[in-house]
Protein backbone atom coordinates (compact mmCIF):
# COMPACT_ATOMS: atom_id res chain seq x y z
CA MET A 1 15.82 45.26 -72.03
CA ARG A 2 12.85 47.31 -70.96
CA THR A 3 11.40 50.66 -71.90
CA VAL A 4 10.36 53.55 -69.65
CA SER A 5 8.89 56.95 -70.42
CA ALA A 6 10.97 60.10 -70.11
CA TYR A 7 8.79 61.19 -67.19
CA ASP A 8 9.33 57.90 -65.32
CA ALA A 9 13.05 58.10 -66.00
CA ARG A 10 13.19 61.61 -64.56
CA VAL A 11 11.22 60.63 -61.46
CA ARG A 12 13.07 57.32 -60.86
CA LEU A 13 16.54 58.05 -62.24
CA GLY A 14 18.43 56.79 -59.19
CA GLU A 15 16.51 53.52 -59.16
CA LEU A 16 17.05 53.02 -62.90
CA LEU A 17 20.78 53.68 -62.58
CA ASN A 18 21.02 51.05 -59.84
CA GLU A 19 19.17 48.50 -62.00
CA VAL A 20 21.51 49.15 -64.90
CA TYR A 21 24.69 49.05 -62.83
CA TYR A 22 23.99 46.26 -60.37
CA ARG A 23 21.74 44.00 -62.50
CA ASP A 24 23.45 44.60 -65.87
CA GLU A 25 20.14 45.66 -67.40
CA GLU A 26 19.70 47.99 -70.35
CA ILE A 27 16.86 50.50 -70.33
CA ILE A 28 15.41 52.43 -73.26
CA ILE A 29 13.93 55.85 -72.50
CA GLU A 30 11.22 56.99 -74.85
CA ARG A 31 9.40 60.26 -75.37
CA LYS A 32 5.90 60.24 -76.88
CA GLY A 33 6.33 56.56 -77.74
CA LYS A 34 9.58 57.13 -79.66
CA PRO A 35 12.81 55.54 -78.34
CA MET A 36 15.27 58.33 -77.56
CA VAL A 37 18.21 56.88 -75.60
CA LYS A 38 19.49 53.65 -74.11
CA ILE A 39 21.06 53.47 -70.66
CA SER A 40 23.64 50.73 -70.29
CA LYS A 41 26.54 49.97 -68.00
CA VAL A 42 29.86 51.49 -69.00
CA GLU A 43 32.38 48.85 -69.94
CA LYS A 44 35.85 49.06 -68.49
CA THR A 45 38.12 50.76 -70.99
CA LYS A 46 41.31 49.05 -72.06
CA THR A 47 44.51 50.47 -70.61
CA ALA A 48 48.01 50.47 -71.98
CA ALA A 49 48.89 47.83 -69.35
CA ASP A 50 46.09 45.58 -70.68
CA LEU A 51 47.44 45.92 -74.21
CA LYS A 52 51.01 45.26 -73.07
CA ALA A 53 49.88 42.12 -71.24
CA PHE A 54 48.05 40.93 -74.35
CA LEU A 55 51.06 41.52 -76.57
CA ALA A 56 53.36 39.76 -74.12
CA ALA A 57 51.01 36.76 -73.94
CA ALA A 58 50.82 36.36 -77.72
CA GLY A 59 53.40 33.76 -78.72
CA SER A 60 54.60 35.47 -81.90
CA TRP A 61 55.21 38.75 -80.05
CA LYS A 62 57.64 37.37 -77.46
CA HIS A 63 60.68 38.79 -79.23
CA ILE A 64 59.23 42.34 -79.33
CA ASP A 65 59.98 44.85 -76.58
CA THR A 66 56.43 45.84 -75.59
CA ASP A 67 57.54 49.06 -73.87
CA LYS A 68 59.28 50.24 -77.02
CA PHE A 69 56.35 49.10 -79.18
CA MET A 70 53.83 51.03 -77.03
CA ALA A 71 56.06 54.12 -77.04
CA ASN A 72 56.11 54.02 -80.85
CA VAL A 73 52.32 53.61 -80.99
CA TYR A 74 51.81 56.60 -78.71
CA LYS A 75 54.36 58.69 -80.61
CA SER A 76 52.85 57.88 -84.02
CA ARG A 77 49.26 58.45 -82.95
CA LYS A 78 50.11 61.69 -81.18
CA LYS A 79 52.02 62.94 -84.21
CA ALA A 80 49.17 62.00 -86.58
CA SER A 81 46.27 63.37 -84.55
CA ARG A 82 47.89 66.00 -82.36
CA SER A 83 45.65 64.86 -79.55
CA PRO A 84 46.31 62.63 -76.54
CA VAL A 85 46.24 58.92 -77.21
CA ARG A 86 43.65 56.98 -75.21
CA LEU A 87 43.42 53.22 -75.27
């Protein structure tokens, strides 16, 4: 992990983004010597299909209908939060 100034980050943003994305580096941007933010690669978010595959692969979950289970999870979370469910 390396540190760059806010000015350098502004001037070389495209280059820094490439380093983070393609080289899996993390970069700290500082202003007046104080760390302000960290740039890091975004991890792939888990999808409902990923969760269903996990549940199906788990031995003790073989008897559970994963489609019905996921529908109940979505229904319960939507009812509780009144906002869309994102996995």
